[in-house]
Amino acid sequence: MGAPGSRQFFIRSTENVGTRVALLYFINSFGVVAGTLIAGFYVVEQQGLIVGLLATGSVHIILGLLILIMDKGLHKESLRIPYQWTG
């Protein structure tokens, strides 16, 4: 479930926001399905449940650290979308 937290890396401007978010969620969904199939049919069967859980936890920790490292390089001000009052 990395898409919500990592969307700021894919959206740098308001141009093509919908397309970029859709692509991000497609990639995330594809990864979820592939990871589930690999974990369920290969890792648990070949390596066991404990190794599968440790591998999953390790991957999540590494991805979280990468997101935190990449977050330091972002300019938060450039990501703000101007608010327009519609009422």
C-alpha atoms as a PDB file:
ATOM      1  CA  MET A   1       0.000   0.000   0.000  1.00  0.00           C
ATOM      2  CA  GLY A   2       2.700   2.412  -0.984  1.00  0.00           C
ATOM      3  CA  ALA A   3       0.757   4.485  -3.469  1.00  0.00           C
ATOM      4  CA  PRO A   4      -0.932   6.956  -1.106  1.00  0.00           C
ATOM      5  CA  GLY A   5       2.315   7.801   0.652  1.00  0.00           C
ATOM      6  CA  SER A   6       4.420   8.015  -2.472  1.00  0.00           C
ATOM      7  CA  ARG A   7       2.075   9.977  -4.729  1.00  0.00           C
ATOM      8  CA  GLN A   8       3.919  13.208  -3.961  1.00  0.00           C
ATOM      9  CA  PHE A   9       6.964  11.851  -5.823  1.00  0.00           C
ATOM     10  CA  PHE A  10       4.918  11.384  -8.988  1.00  0.00           C
ATOM     11  CA  ILE A  11       2.932  14.620  -8.854  1.00  0.00           C
ATOM     12  CA  ARG A  12       5.170  17.646  -9.172  1.00  0.00           C
ATOM     13  CA  SER A  13       2.668  19.958 -10.861  1.00  0.00           C
ATOM     14  CA  THR A  14      -1.051  20.228 -11.540  1.00  0.00           C
ATOM     15  CA  GLU A  15      -0.565  19.169 -15.153  1.00  0.00           C
ATOM     16  CA  ASN A  16      -1.892  15.656 -15.913  1.00  0.00           C
ATOM     17  CA  VAL A  17      -2.609  14.930 -12.243  1.00  0.00           C
ATOM     18  CA  GLY A  18      -5.357  12.427 -13.030  1.00  0.00           C
ATOM     19  CA  THR A  19      -3.236  10.451 -15.469  1.00  0.00           C
ATOM     20  CA  ARG A  20      -0.245  10.327 -13.152  1.00  0.00           C
ATOM     21  CA  VAL A  21      -2.296   9.264 -10.118  1.00  0.00           C
ATOM     22  CA  ALA A  22      -4.046   6.588 -12.193  1.00  0.00           C
ATOM     23  CA  LEU A  23      -0.677   5.253 -13.374  1.00  0.00           C
ATOM     24  CA  LEU A  24       0.640   5.220  -9.826  1.00  0.00           C
ATOM     25  CA  TYR A  25      -2.365   3.275  -8.533  1.00  0.00           C
ATOM     26  CA  PHE A  26      -2.142   0.853 -11.489  1.00  0.00           C
ATOM     27  CA  ILE A  27       1.514   0.131 -10.717  1.00  0.00           C
ATOM     28  CA  ASN A  28       0.690  -0.262  -7.026  1.00  0.00           C
ATOM     29  CA  SER A  29      -2.206  -2.652  -7.733  1.00  0.00           C
ATOM     30  CA  PHE A  30      -0.082  -4.711 -10.122  1.00  0.00           C
ATOM     31  CA  GLY A  31       2.638  -4.990  -7.477  1.00  0.00           C
ATOM     32  CA  VAL A  32       0.124  -6.047  -4.837  1.00  0.00           C
ATOM     33  CA  VAL A  33      -1.267  -8.823  -7.038  1.00  0.00           C
ATOM     34  CA  ALA A  34       2.187 -10.015  -8.137  1.00  0.00           C
ATOM     35  CA  GLY A  35       3.505  -9.958  -4.572  1.00  0.00           C
ATOM     36  CA  THR A  36       0.512 -11.897  -3.273  1.00  0.00           C
ATOM     37  CA  LEU A  37       0.867 -14.573  -5.940  1.00  0.00           C
ATOM     38  CA  ILE A  38       4.616 -14.920  -5.415  1.00  0.00           C
ATOM     39  CA  ALA A  39       4.279 -15.007  -1.637  1.00  0.00           C
ATOM     40  CA  GLY A  40       1.345 -17.399  -1.604  1.00  0.00           C
ATOM     41  CA  PHE A  41       2.484 -19.889  -4.200  1.00  0.00           C
ATOM     42  CA  TYR A  42       6.263 -19.770  -3.979  1.00  0.00           C
ATOM     43  CA  VAL A  43       7.793 -18.219  -0.874  1.00  0.00           C
ATOM     44  CA  VAL A  44       5.543 -19.837   1.727  1.00  0.00           C
ATOM     45  CA  GLU A  45       5.624 -23.201  -0.038  1.00  0.00           C
ATOM     46  CA  GLN A  46       9.381 -23.247  -0.656  1.00  0.00           C
ATOM     47  CA  GLN A  47      10.780 -21.263   2.276  1.00  0.00           C
ATOM     48  CA  GLY A  48       8.093 -21.402   4.952  1.00  0.00           C
ATOM     49  CA  LEU A  49       5.846 -18.889   6.633  1.00  0.00           C
ATOM     50  CA  ILE A  50       8.481 -17.347   8.929  1.00  0.00           C
ATOM     51  CA  VAL A  51      10.859 -16.583   6.045  1.00  0.00           C
ATOM     52  CA  GLY A  52       7.952 -15.152   4.055  1.00  0.00           C
ATOM     53  CA  LEU A  53       6.939 -12.869   6.909  1.00  0.00           C
ATOM     54  CA  LEU A  54      10.517 -11.730   7.489  1.00  0.00           C
ATOM     55  CA  ALA A  55      10.989 -11.032   3.780  1.00  0.00           C
ATOM     56  CA  THR A  56       7.753  -9.047   3.621  1.00  0.00           C
ATOM     57  CA  GLY A  57       8.674  -7.008   6.677  1.00  0.00           C
ATOM     58  CA  SER A  58      12.147  -6.325   5.307  1.00  0.00           C
ATOM     59  CA  VAL A  59      10.784  -5.102   1.979  1.00  0.00           C
ATOM     60  CA  HIS A  60       8.326  -2.770   3.739  1.00  0.00           C
ATOM     61  CA  ILE A  61      11.043  -1.332   5.979  1.00  0.00           C
ATOM     62  CA  ILE A  62      13.364  -0.737   3.013  1.00  0.00           C
ATOM     63  CA  LEU A  63      10.597   0.939   0.982  1.00  0.00           C
ATOM     64  CA  GLY A  64       9.637   3.113   3.953  1.00  0.00           C
ATOM     65  CA  LEU A  65      13.232   4.222   4.416  1.00  0.00           C
ATOM     66  CA  LEU A  66      13.552   5.011   0.704  1.00  0.00           C
ATOM     67  CA  ILE A  67      10.411   7.152   0.832  1.00  0.00           C
ATOM     68  CA  LEU A  68      11.743   9.014   3.874  1.00  0.00           C
ATOM     69  CA  ILE A  69      15.103   9.604   2.156  1.00  0.00           C
ATOM     70  CA  MET A  70      13.431  10.812  -1.042  1.00  0.00           C
ATOM     71  CA  ASP A  71      11.104  13.063   0.971  1.00  0.00           C
ATOM     72  CA  LYS A  72      14.065  15.105   2.216  1.00  0.00           C
ATOM     73  CA  GLY A  73      14.816  16.230  -1.348  1.00  0.00           C
ATOM     74  CA  LEU A  74      11.332  17.485  -2.166  1.00  0.00           C
ATOM     75  CA  HIS A  75      10.375  21.130  -2.134  1.00  0.00           C
ATOM     76  CA  LYS A  76       7.053  21.168  -0.304  1.00  0.00           C
ATOM     77  CA  GLU A  77       6.126  24.644  -1.496  1.00  0.00           C
ATOM     78  CA  SER A  78       6.149  23.589  -5.157  1.00  0.00           C
ATOM     79  CA  LEU A  79       3.618  20.833  -4.443  1.00  0.00           C
ATOM     80  CA  ARG A  80       0.881  23.103  -3.136  1.00  0.00           C
ATOM     81  CA  ILE A  81      -2.144  23.434  -5.351  1.00  0.00           C
ATOM     82  CA  PRO A  82      -3.843  26.839  -5.142  1.00  0.00           C
ATOM     83  CA  TYR A  83      -7.264  26.736  -3.502  1.00  0.00           C
ATOM     84  CA  GLN A  84     -10.170  28.324  -5.332  1.00  0.00           C
ATOM     85  CA  TRP A  85     -13.389  29.196  -3.578  1.00  0.00           C
ATOM     86  CA  THR A  86     -16.354  27.864  -5.585  1.00  0.00           C
ATOM     87  CA  GLY A  87     -19.224  28.966  -3.336  1.00  0.00           C
END
